Amino acid sequence: MELGLHFADFTWTGGAARLGPDLARAAREAEAAGIARLTVMDHVWQIEHVGPAENEMLEGYTALGFLAAHTERVLLHTLVTGVVYREPGLLAKQVTTLDVLSGGRAGLGIGAAWFEGEAAGLGLPFPPTAERFERLEEALRICLQMWGPDEGPFEGAHYRLARTLNSPAALRSPHPYLLIGGSGERKTLRLVAQYADACNLFPGPETAHKLDVLRGHCEALGRDYDAIEKTTTLTVTPESTREQLLRQLTGLRELGFTTAYVFGAGIGDPRTTVDLLGSVVADVAGL
């Protein structure tokens, strides 16, 4: 099992003036501790279950570029980008740029978007659910086309690109890591089976059923179910202990997850989360 450090709460003790230095140091120490991935949310306001909207939030792709400059080995991606917040041609270019500048360490985490309040607040598009899923599939197709050799046009119901030129090409082969977030059985998990390298699901009583649904979509599409990475998220708090975390991670592995993205909630120094994760890296590697 692999561990990722997910930066979701930037309300740290040092305030805005210390965000850059503290984030850089946490990233370097996480990599040194053997944590394999660093991720950020792709939100412009804080989300409700982490804190009030007014709390500090960094723009995702700027933050990933900063993290790339302070690390050498970890995988970098959002968890996850709301498809309607960026035109997919530009999104594919952003991820490609991150991949090239990081030495082939970029991924794209993407989903259909859900936070209508922040979209309305900053004037971002937020069409109805059905349309967002249509746009999600088209965006996936555009990204994969731009990450491949075909630079021809793309004609979809929502997006029309005259030439999908993308130079320089991504370094990661065959393309940047592609993760889809969400657990919808009819649409999201079918998109995972058809297009993605990984899914991201919330853990719970429905996990086994959701994975069975994904397996069914894979069988219908002729996709190898085992080739798809099953990832999830886990929250730690100031009260979390090494033993508790290890039990939780063991339980997640038993559910079928192969990667856990862990974030610290209500923790004033991100290095506290790094230290906790670092203490279990060797244990979970054998799970």
C-alpha atoms as a PDB file:
ATOM      1  CA  MET A   1       0.000   0.000   0.000  1.00  0.00           C
ATOM      2  CA  GLU A   2       1.205   3.511  -0.818  1.00  0.00           C
ATOM      3  CA  LEU A   3       0.635   6.675   1.163  1.00  0.00           C
ATOM      4  CA  GLY A   4      -0.073  10.128  -0.152  1.00  0.00           C
ATOM      5  CA  LEU A   5      -0.048  13.371   1.813  1.00  0.00           C
ATOM      6  CA  HIS A   6      -3.095  15.423   0.884  1.00  0.00           C
ATOM      7  CA  PHE A   7      -2.952  19.146   1.599  1.00  0.00           C
ATOM      8  CA  ALA A   8      -6.547  20.204   2.259  1.00  0.00           C
ATOM      9  CA  ASP A   9      -6.313  22.532   5.252  1.00  0.00           C
ATOM     10  CA  PHE A  10      -3.931  25.490   4.942  1.00  0.00           C
ATOM     11  CA  THR A  11      -5.015  27.245   8.136  1.00  0.00           C
ATOM     12  CA  TRP A  12      -1.659  26.755   9.791  1.00  0.00           C
ATOM     13  CA  THR A  13      -0.189  28.469  12.847  1.00  0.00           C
ATOM     14  CA  GLY A  14       2.154  30.784  10.956  1.00  0.00           C
ATOM     15  CA  GLY A  15      -0.558  32.396   8.821  1.00  0.00           C
ATOM     16  CA  ALA A  16      -0.357  33.416   5.171  1.00  0.00           C
ATOM     17  CA  ALA A  17       3.188  34.762   5.420  1.00  0.00           C
ATOM     18  CA  ARG A  18       4.450  31.298   6.387  1.00  0.00           C
ATOM     19  CA  LEU A  19       2.390  29.240   3.932  1.00  0.00           C
ATOM     20  CA  GLY A  20       5.134  29.062   1.306  1.00  0.00           C
ATOM     21  CA  PRO A  21       8.031  28.097   3.601  1.00  0.00           C
ATOM     22  CA  ASP A  22       5.901  25.694   5.655  1.00  0.00           C
ATOM     23  CA  LEU A  23       4.465  23.975   2.576  1.00  0.00           C
ATOM     24  CA  ALA A  24       7.914  23.609   1.015  1.00  0.00           C
ATOM     25  CA  ARG A  25       9.398  22.143   4.172  1.00  0.00           C
ATOM     26  CA  ALA A  26       6.504  19.732   4.660  1.00  0.00           C
ATOM     27  CA  ALA A  27       6.832  18.549   1.060  1.00  0.00           C
ATOM     28  CA  ARG A  28      10.564  17.939   1.357  1.00  0.00           C
ATOM     29  CA  GLU A  29      10.188  16.109   4.643  1.00  0.00           C
ATOM     30  CA  ALA A  30       7.296  14.014   3.313  1.00  0.00           C
ATOM     31  CA  GLU A  31       9.382  12.877   0.352  1.00  0.00           C
ATOM     32  CA  ALA A  32      12.326  12.092   2.624  1.00  0.00           C
ATOM     33  CA  ALA A  33      10.028  10.019   4.857  1.00  0.00           C
ATOM     34  CA  GLY A  34       8.984   7.803   1.946  1.00  0.00           C
ATOM     35  CA  ILE A  35       5.550   9.284   1.280  1.00  0.00           C
ATOM     36  CA  ALA A  36       4.972   8.599  -2.415  1.00  0.00           C
ATOM     37  CA  ARG A  37       2.447  11.246  -3.440  1.00  0.00           C
ATOM     38  CA  LEU A  38       1.485  14.837  -2.730  1.00  0.00           C
ATOM     39  CA  THR A  39      -1.972  16.087  -3.647  1.00  0.00           C
ATOM     40  CA  VAL A  40      -4.016  19.249  -3.226  1.00  0.00           C
ATOM     41  CA  MET A  41      -7.697  20.010  -3.545  1.00  0.00           C
ATOM     42  CA  ASP A  42      -8.811  21.929  -6.598  1.00  0.00           C
ATOM     43  CA  HIS A  43     -11.047  24.388  -4.799  1.00  0.00           C
ATOM     44  CA  VAL A  44     -10.945  28.156  -4.506  1.00  0.00           C
ATOM     45  CA  TRP A  45     -12.823  28.268  -1.196  1.00  0.00           C
ATOM     46  CA  GLN A  46     -12.437  25.909   1.743  1.00  0.00           C
ATOM     47  CA  ILE A  47     -14.999  23.097   1.713  1.00  0.00           C
ATOM     48  CA  GLU A  48     -17.563  22.786   4.464  1.00  0.00           C
ATOM     49  CA  HIS A  49     -16.477  19.555   6.141  1.00  0.00           C
ATOM     50  CA  VAL A  50     -12.900  20.869   6.547  1.00  0.00           C
ATOM     51  CA  GLY A  51     -13.651  24.429   7.669  1.00  0.00           C
ATOM     52  CA  PRO A  52     -15.477  27.673   6.851  1.00  0.00           C
ATOM     53  CA  ALA A  53     -15.264  28.968   3.297  1.00  0.00           C
ATOM     54  CA  GLU A  54     -13.208  31.952   4.477  1.00  0.00           C
ATOM     55  CA  ASN A  55     -10.295  29.777   5.614  1.00  0.00           C
ATOM     56  CA  GLU A  56      -7.095  29.829   3.576  1.00  0.00           C
ATOM     57  CA  MET A  57      -7.190  27.929   0.256  1.00  0.00           C
ATOM     58  CA  LEU A  58      -4.457  27.819  -2.378  1.00  0.00           C
ATOM     59  CA  GLU A  59      -5.207  27.495  -6.079  1.00  0.00           C
ATOM     60  CA  GLY A  60      -4.428  23.911  -7.024  1.00  0.00           C
ATOM     61  CA  TYR A  61      -2.187  24.059 -10.079  1.00  0.00           C
ATOM     62  CA  THR A  62      -0.100  26.946  -8.797  1.00  0.00           C
ATOM     63  CA  ALA A  63       0.401  24.953  -5.601  1.00  0.00           C
ATOM     64  CA  LEU A  64       1.392  21.824  -7.548  1.00  0.00           C
ATOM     65  CA  GLY A  65       3.989  23.770  -9.512  1.00  0.00           C
ATOM     66  CA  PHE A  66       5.403  25.057  -6.233  1.00  0.00           C
ATOM     67  CA  LEU A  67       5.494  21.510  -4.836  1.00  0.00           C
ATOM     68  CA  ALA A  68       7.235  20.260  -7.964  1.00  0.00           C
ATOM     69  CA  ALA A  69      10.016  22.780  -7.439  1.00  0.00           C
ATOM     70  CA  HIS A  70      10.610  21.535  -3.884  1.00  0.00           C
ATOM     71  CA  THR A  71      10.547  17.773  -4.523  1.00  0.00           C
ATOM     72  CA  GLU A  72      12.247  15.254  -6.786  1.00  0.00           C
ATOM     73  CA  ARG A  73      10.363  11.943  -6.727  1.00  0.00           C
ATOM     74  CA  VAL A  74       6.763  12.204  -5.523  1.00  0.00           C
ATOM     75  CA  LEU A  75       3.718  11.982  -7.802  1.00  0.00           C
ATOM     76  CA  LEU A  76       1.779  15.265  -7.958  1.00  0.00           C
ATOM     77  CA  HIS A  77      -1.888  15.793  -8.796  1.00  0.00           C
ATOM     78  CA  THR A  78      -5.148  17.340  -7.657  1.00  0.00           C
ATOM     79  CA  LEU A  79      -7.713  15.396  -5.682  1.00  0.00           C
ATOM     80  CA  VAL A  80      -9.727  16.361  -7.683  1.00  0.00           C
ATOM     81  CA  THR A  81     -10.258  19.014 -10.379  1.00  0.00           C
ATOM     82  CA  GLY A  82     -13.841  20.031 -11.079  1.00  0.00           C
ATOM     83  CA  VAL A  83     -14.217  19.561 -14.818  1.00  0.00           C
ATOM     84  CA  VAL A  84     -16.207  22.718 -15.486  1.00  0.00           C
ATOM     85  CA  TYR A  85     -13.712  25.044 -13.787  1.00  0.00           C
ATOM     86  CA  ARG A  86     -11.206  24.865 -16.678  1.00  0.00           C
ATOM     87  CA  GLU A  87     -11.465  24.395 -20.410  1.00  0.00           C
ATOM     88  CA  PRO A  88     -10.168  20.852 -21.033  1.00  0.00           C
ATOM     89  CA  GLY A  89      -7.623  21.862 -23.672  1.00  0.00           C
ATOM     90  CA  LEU A  90      -6.020  24.261 -21.206  1.00  0.00           C
ATOM     91  CA  LEU A  91      -6.294  21.680 -18.416  1.00  0.00           C
ATOM     92  CA  ALA A  92      -4.446  19.077 -20.504  1.00  0.00           C
ATOM     93  CA  LYS A  93      -1.757  21.687 -21.179  1.00  0.00           C
ATOM     94  CA  GLN A  94      -1.455  22.570 -17.479  1.00  0.00           C
ATOM     95  CA  VAL A  95      -0.959  18.940 -16.491  1.00  0.00           C
ATOM     96  CA  THR A  96       1.503  18.389 -19.348  1.00  0.00           C
ATOM     97  CA  THR A  97       3.503  21.435 -18.270  1.00  0.00           C
ATOM     98  CA  LEU A  98       3.591  20.170 -14.700  1.00  0.00           C
ATOM     99  CA  ASP A  99       4.730  16.771 -15.968  1.00  0.00           C
ATOM    100  CA  VAL A 100       7.547  18.187 -18.081  1.00  0.00           C
ATOM    101  CA  LEU A 101       8.833  20.560 -15.409  1.00  0.00           C
ATOM    102  CA  SER A 102       8.634  17.906 -12.662  1.00  0.00           C
ATOM    103  CA  GLY A 103      10.457  15.266 -14.680  1.00  0.00           C
ATOM    104  CA  GLY A 104       7.428  13.082 -15.425  1.00  0.00           C
ATOM    105  CA  ARG A 105       5.693  13.195 -12.039  1.00  0.00           C
ATOM    106  CA  ALA A 106       2.317  14.725 -12.875  1.00  0.00           C
ATOM    107  CA  GLY A 107      -1.165  13.334 -12.798  1.00  0.00           C
ATOM    108  CA  LEU A 108      -4.697  14.544 -13.305  1.00  0.00           C
ATOM    109  CA  GLY A 109      -7.356  13.893 -10.726  1.00  0.00           C
ATOM    110  CA  ILE A 110     -10.736  14.913 -12.124  1.00  0.00           C
ATOM    111  CA  GLY A 111     -14.431  14.730 -11.319  1.00  0.00           C
ATOM    112  CA  ALA A 112     -17.767  16.230 -12.254  1.00  0.00           C
ATOM    113  CA  ALA A 113     -17.574  19.094  -9.676  1.00  0.00           C
ATOM    114  CA  TRP A 114     -20.010  19.574  -6.789  1.00  0.00           C
ATOM    115  CA  PHE A 115     -19.340  22.834  -4.896  1.00  0.00           C
ATOM    116  CA  GLU A 116     -21.948  25.116  -6.429  1.00  0.00           C
ATOM    117  CA  GLY A 117     -21.406  27.816  -3.809  1.00  0.00           C
ATOM    118  CA  GLU A 118     -17.804  28.579  -4.740  1.00  0.00           C
ATOM    119  CA  ALA A 119     -18.666  28.436  -8.439  1.00  0.00           C
ATOM    120  CA  ALA A 120     -21.433  31.005  -7.985  1.00  0.00           C
ATOM    121  CA  GLY A 121     -19.237  33.095  -5.718  1.00  0.00           C
ATOM    122  CA  LEU A 122     -16.417  33.485  -8.245  1.00  0.00           C
ATOM    123  CA  GLY A 123     -18.492  33.313 -11.411  1.00  0.00           C
ATOM    124  CA  LEU A 124     -17.336  29.864 -12.504  1.00  0.00           C
ATOM    125  CA  PRO A 125     -19.585  27.760 -14.740  1.00  0.00           C
ATOM    126  CA  PHE A 126     -21.740  25.174 -13.002  1.00  0.00           C
ATOM    127  CA  PRO A 127     -24.241  23.557 -15.389  1.00  0.00           C
ATOM    128  CA  PRO A 128     -26.735  20.878 -14.306  1.00  0.00           C
ATOM    129  CA  THR A 129     -25.469  17.477 -13.187  1.00  0.00           C
ATOM    130  CA  ALA A 130     -26.183  15.626 -16.437  1.00  0.00           C
ATOM    131  CA  GLU A 131     -24.277  18.206 -18.444  1.00  0.00           C
ATOM    132  CA  ARG A 132     -21.331  18.162 -16.057  1.00  0.00           C
ATOM    133  CA  PHE A 133     -20.977  14.423 -16.593  1.00  0.00           C
ATOM    134  CA  GLU A 134     -21.203  14.857 -20.351  1.00  0.00           C
ATOM    135  CA  ARG A 135     -18.464  17.461 -20.117  1.00  0.00           C
ATOM    136  CA  LEU A 136     -16.413  15.146 -17.900  1.00  0.00           C
ATOM    137  CA  GLU A 137     -16.350  12.404 -20.524  1.00  0.00           C
ATOM    138  CA  GLU A 138     -15.492  14.850 -23.276  1.00  0.00           C
ATOM    139  CA  ALA A 139     -12.712  16.332 -21.137  1.00  0.00           C
ATOM    140  CA  LEU A 140     -11.262  12.874 -20.548  1.00  0.00           C
ATOM    141  CA  ARG A 141     -11.244  12.191 -24.272  1.00  0.00           C
ATOM    142  CA  ILE A 142      -9.636  15.562 -25.000  1.00  0.00           C
ATOM    143  CA  CYS A 143      -6.896  15.062 -22.426  1.00  0.00           C
ATOM    144  CA  LEU A 144      -6.064  11.581 -23.695  1.00  0.00           C
ATOM    145  CA  GLN A 145      -6.025  12.839 -27.281  1.00  0.00           C
ATOM    146  CA  MET A 146      -3.719  15.711 -26.376  1.00  0.00           C
ATOM    147  CA  TRP A 147      -1.444  13.341 -24.475  1.00  0.00           C
ATOM    148  CA  GLY A 148      -1.177  11.096 -27.522  1.00  0.00           C
ATOM    149  CA  PRO A 149       0.102  11.523 -31.082  1.00  0.00           C
ATOM    150  CA  ASP A 150      -3.183  12.778 -32.580  1.00  0.00           C
ATOM    151  CA  GLU A 151      -3.216  16.567 -32.897  1.00  0.00           C
ATOM    152  CA  GLY A 152      -6.318  16.650 -35.044  1.00  0.00           C
ATOM    153  CA  PRO A 153      -9.599  18.358 -34.165  1.00  0.00           C
ATOM    154  CA  PHE A 154     -12.043  17.299 -31.474  1.00  0.00           C
ATOM    155  CA  GLU A 155     -15.767  17.687 -32.025  1.00  0.00           C
ATOM    156  CA  GLY A 156     -18.014  17.086 -29.044  1.00  0.00           C
ATOM    157  CA  ALA A 157     -21.400  18.265 -27.879  1.00  0.00           C
ATOM    158  CA  HIS A 158     -19.840  20.791 -25.498  1.00  0.00           C
ATOM    159  CA  TYR A 159     -16.210  21.241 -26.571  1.00  0.00           C
ATOM    160  CA  ARG A 160     -14.809  21.890 -30.031  1.00  0.00           C
ATOM    161  CA  LEU A 161     -11.070  22.101 -30.536  1.00  0.00           C
ATOM    162  CA  ALA A 162      -9.710  22.893 -33.992  1.00  0.00           C
ATOM    163  CA  ARG A 163      -6.272  21.405 -33.334  1.00  0.00           C
ATOM    164  CA  THR A 164      -5.232  19.459 -30.231  1.00  0.00           C
ATOM    165  CA  LEU A 165      -1.575  20.429 -30.480  1.00  0.00           C
ATOM    166  CA  ASN A 166       0.318  19.900 -27.224  1.00  0.00           C
ATOM    167  CA  SER A 167       4.047  20.603 -27.385  1.00  0.00           C
ATOM    168  CA  PRO A 168       6.168  19.638 -25.544  1.00  0.00           C
ATOM    169  CA  ALA A 169       4.583  16.268 -24.917  1.00  0.00           C
ATOM    170  CA  ALA A 170       4.342  14.814 -21.446  1.00  0.00           C
ATOM    171  CA  LEU A 171       7.326  12.825 -20.204  1.00  0.00           C
ATOM    172  CA  ARG A 172       5.329  10.244 -18.252  1.00  0.00           C
ATOM    173  CA  SER A 173       4.481   7.202 -20.367  1.00  0.00           C
ATOM    174  CA  PRO A 174       2.020   6.457 -21.794  1.00  0.00           C
ATOM    175  CA  HIS A 175       0.523   9.673 -20.399  1.00  0.00           C
ATOM    176  CA  PRO A 176       0.131  11.511 -17.067  1.00  0.00           C
ATOM    177  CA  TYR A 177      -1.510   9.480 -14.323  1.00  0.00           C
ATOM    178  CA  LEU A 178      -5.298   9.785 -14.638  1.00  0.00           C
ATOM    179  CA  LEU A 179      -7.598   9.420 -11.628  1.00  0.00           C
ATOM    180  CA  ILE A 180     -11.359   9.933 -11.515  1.00  0.00           C
ATOM    181  CA  GLY A 181     -13.013  10.842  -8.222  1.00  0.00           C
ATOM    182  CA  GLY A 182     -16.566   9.804  -7.411  1.00  0.00           C
ATOM    183  CA  SER A 183     -18.645   6.709  -6.775  1.00  0.00           C
ATOM    184  CA  GLY A 184     -21.641   7.015  -9.094  1.00  0.00           C
ATOM    185  CA  GLU A 185     -22.374   3.527 -10.336  1.00  0.00           C
ATOM    186  CA  ARG A 186     -23.879   4.251 -13.732  1.00  0.00           C
ATOM    187  CA  LYS A 187     -21.632   7.067 -14.946  1.00  0.00           C
ATOM    188  CA  THR A 188     -18.542   7.689 -12.829  1.00  0.00           C
ATOM    189  CA  LEU A 189     -17.406   4.099 -12.389  1.00  0.00           C
ATOM    190  CA  ARG A 190     -18.056   3.398 -16.062  1.00  0.00           C
ATOM    191  CA  LEU A 191     -15.782   6.329 -16.937  1.00  0.00           C
ATOM    192  CA  VAL A 192     -13.124   4.892 -14.614  1.00  0.00           C
ATOM    193  CA  ALA A 193     -13.292   1.539 -16.376  1.00  0.00           C
ATOM    194  CA  GLN A 194     -13.137   3.137 -19.802  1.00  0.00           C
ATOM    195  CA  TYR A 195     -10.535   5.863 -19.350  1.00  0.00           C
ATOM    196  CA  ALA A 196      -8.733   6.024 -15.994  1.00  0.00           C
ATOM    197  CA  ASP A 197      -5.695   4.599 -14.264  1.00  0.00           C
ATOM    198  CA  ALA A 198      -7.335   4.947 -10.849  1.00  0.00           C
ATOM    199  CA  CYS A 199     -10.544   5.643  -8.974  1.00  0.00           C
ATOM    200  CA  ASN A 200     -10.963   7.501  -5.713  1.00  0.00           C
ATOM    201  CA  LEU A 201     -13.800   6.377  -3.451  1.00  0.00           C
ATOM    202  CA  PHE A 202     -14.878   7.236   0.064  1.00  0.00           C
ATOM    203  CA  PRO A 203     -14.444   4.218   2.358  1.00  0.00           C
ATOM    204  CA  GLY A 204     -17.484   2.669   4.013  1.00  0.00           C
ATOM    205  CA  PRO A 205     -20.024  -0.138   4.016  1.00  0.00           C
ATOM    206  CA  GLU A 206     -20.674   0.351   0.294  1.00  0.00           C
ATOM    207  CA  THR A 207     -17.029  -0.055  -0.763  1.00  0.00           C
ATOM    208  CA  ALA A 208     -17.242  -3.733  -1.691  1.00  0.00           C
ATOM    209  CA  HIS A 209     -20.389  -3.109  -3.731  1.00  0.00           C
ATOM    210  CA  LYS A 210     -18.853  -0.118  -5.529  1.00  0.00           C
ATOM    211  CA  LEU A 211     -15.792  -2.166  -6.445  1.00  0.00           C
ATOM    212  CA  ASP A 212     -18.038  -4.962  -7.716  1.00  0.00           C
ATOM    213  CA  VAL A 213     -19.802  -2.418  -9.919  1.00  0.00           C
ATOM    214  CA  LEU A 214     -16.439  -1.229 -11.220  1.00  0.00           C
ATOM    215  CA  ARG A 215     -15.473  -4.824 -11.924  1.00  0.00           C
ATOM    216  CA  GLY A 216     -18.673  -5.267 -13.914  1.00  0.00           C
ATOM    217  CA  HIS A 217     -17.956  -2.184 -16.016  1.00  0.00           C
ATOM    218  CA  CYS A 218     -14.445  -3.491 -16.661  1.00  0.00           C
ATOM    219  CA  GLU A 219     -15.796  -6.844 -17.823  1.00  0.00           C
ATOM    220  CA  ALA A 220     -18.281  -5.136 -20.136  1.00  0.00           C
ATOM    221  CA  LEU A 221     -15.539  -2.953 -21.665  1.00  0.00           C
ATOM    222  CA  GLY A 222     -12.818  -5.605 -21.787  1.00  0.00           C
ATOM    223  CA  ARG A 223     -10.659  -3.746 -19.246  1.00  0.00           C
ATOM    224  CA  ASP A 224      -8.401  -5.444 -16.709  1.00  0.00           C
ATOM    225  CA  TYR A 225      -9.960  -4.613 -13.329  1.00  0.00           C
ATOM    226  CA  ASP A 226      -6.687  -5.252 -11.507  1.00  0.00           C
ATOM    227  CA  ALA A 227      -4.920  -2.640 -13.654  1.00  0.00           C
ATOM    228  CA  ILE A 228      -7.035   0.096 -12.070  1.00  0.00           C
ATOM    229  CA  GLU A 229      -5.698   1.537  -8.831  1.00  0.00           C
ATOM    230  CA  LYS A 230      -8.229   1.825  -6.002  1.00  0.00           C
ATOM    231  CA  THR A 231      -7.553   4.881  -3.853  1.00  0.00           C
ATOM    232  CA  THR A 232      -9.270   6.583  -0.940  1.00  0.00           C
ATOM    233  CA  THR A 233      -8.848   9.419   1.554  1.00  0.00           C
ATOM    234  CA  LEU A 234      -8.320   9.349   5.301  1.00  0.00           C
ATOM    235  CA  THR A 235      -8.367  12.151   7.874  1.00  0.00           C
ATOM    236  CA  VAL A 236      -6.071  12.439  10.871  1.00  0.00           C
ATOM    237  CA  THR A 237      -6.460  14.903  13.732  1.00  0.00           C
ATOM    238  CA  PRO A 238      -4.221  16.160  16.551  1.00  0.00           C
ATOM    239  CA  GLU A 239      -5.501  13.221  18.627  1.00  0.00           C
ATOM    240  CA  SER A 240      -4.562  10.530  16.078  1.00  0.00           C
ATOM    241  CA  THR A 241      -1.891   8.045  17.137  1.00  0.00           C
ATOM    242  CA  ARG A 242       0.427   5.840  15.135  1.00  0.00           C
ATOM    243  CA  GLU A 243      -1.424   2.725  16.290  1.00  0.00           C
ATOM    244  CA  GLN A 244      -4.817   4.143  15.324  1.00  0.00           C
ATOM    245  CA  LEU A 245      -3.569   5.187  11.906  1.00  0.00           C
ATOM    246  CA  LEU A 246      -2.017   1.805  11.237  1.00  0.00           C
ATOM    247  CA  ARG A 247      -5.270   0.044  12.171  1.00  0.00           C
ATOM    248  CA  GLN A 248      -7.233   2.342   9.864  1.00  0.00           C
ATOM    249  CA  LEU A 249      -4.859   1.783   6.977  1.00  0.00           C
ATOM    250  CA  THR A 250      -4.932  -1.966   7.499  1.00  0.00           C
ATOM    251  CA  GLY A 251      -8.718  -1.836   7.386  1.00  0.00           C
ATOM    252  CA  LEU A 252      -8.643   0.168   4.160  1.00  0.00           C
ATOM    253  CA  ARG A 253      -6.310  -2.362   2.572  1.00  0.00           C
ATOM    254  CA  GLU A 254      -8.682  -5.150   3.562  1.00  0.00           C
ATOM    255  CA  LEU A 255     -11.487  -3.266   1.796  1.00  0.00           C
ATOM    256  CA  GLY A 256      -9.435  -3.355  -1.398  1.00  0.00           C
ATOM    257  CA  PHE A 257      -7.727   0.044  -1.446  1.00  0.00           C
ATOM    258  CA  THR A 258      -4.117   0.170  -2.611  1.00  0.00           C
ATOM    259  CA  THR A 259      -3.408   3.851  -1.901  1.00  0.00           C
ATOM    260  CA  ALA A 260      -4.566   6.170   0.871  1.00  0.00           C
ATOM    261  CA  TYR A 261      -4.319   9.956   0.650  1.00  0.00           C
ATOM    262  CA  VAL A 262      -4.126  11.240   4.222  1.00  0.00           C
ATOM    263  CA  PHE A 263      -4.766  14.805   5.321  1.00  0.00           C
ATOM    264  CA  GLY A 264      -4.505  16.524   8.654  1.00  0.00           C
ATOM    265  CA  ALA A 265      -7.564  18.367   9.941  1.00  0.00           C
ATOM    266  CA  GLY A 266      -7.161  21.002  12.632  1.00  0.00           C
ATOM    267  CA  ILE A 267      -3.392  20.506  12.753  1.00  0.00           C
ATOM    268  CA  GLY A 268      -1.481  23.779  12.959  1.00  0.00           C
ATOM    269  CA  ASP A 269       1.823  22.496  11.580  1.00  0.00           C
ATOM    270  CA  PRO A 270       1.781  20.227   8.497  1.00  0.00           C
ATOM    271  CA  ARG A 271       4.970  18.557   9.652  1.00  0.00           C
ATOM    272  CA  THR A 272       2.971  16.954  12.464  1.00  0.00           C
ATOM    273  CA  THR A 273       1.014  15.047   9.803  1.00  0.00           C
ATOM    274  CA  VAL A 274       4.226  14.244   7.938  1.00  0.00           C
ATOM    275  CA  ASP A 275       5.790  12.788  11.082  1.00  0.00           C
ATOM    276  CA  LEU A 276       2.721  10.654  11.768  1.00  0.00           C
ATOM    277  CA  LEU A 277       2.609   9.289   8.216  1.00  0.00           C
ATOM    278  CA  GLY A 278       6.344   8.734   8.160  1.00  0.00           C
ATOM    279  CA  SER A 279       6.058   6.558  11.237  1.00  0.00           C
ATOM    280  CA  VAL A 280       3.902   3.991   9.382  1.00  0.00           C
ATOM    281  CA  VAL A 281       5.379   4.062   5.857  1.00  0.00           C
ATOM    282  CA  ALA A 282       7.463   0.931   6.348  1.00  0.00           C
ATOM    283  CA  ASP A 283       4.535  -0.946   7.934  1.00  0.00           C
ATOM    284  CA  VAL A 284       1.992  -0.194   5.214  1.00  0.00           C
ATOM    285  CA  ALA A 285       4.428  -0.986   2.406  1.00  0.00           C
ATOM    286  CA  GLY A 286       3.920  -4.648   3.170  1.00  0.00           C
ATOM    287  CA  LEU A 287       0.122  -4.546   3.300  1.00  0.00           C
END
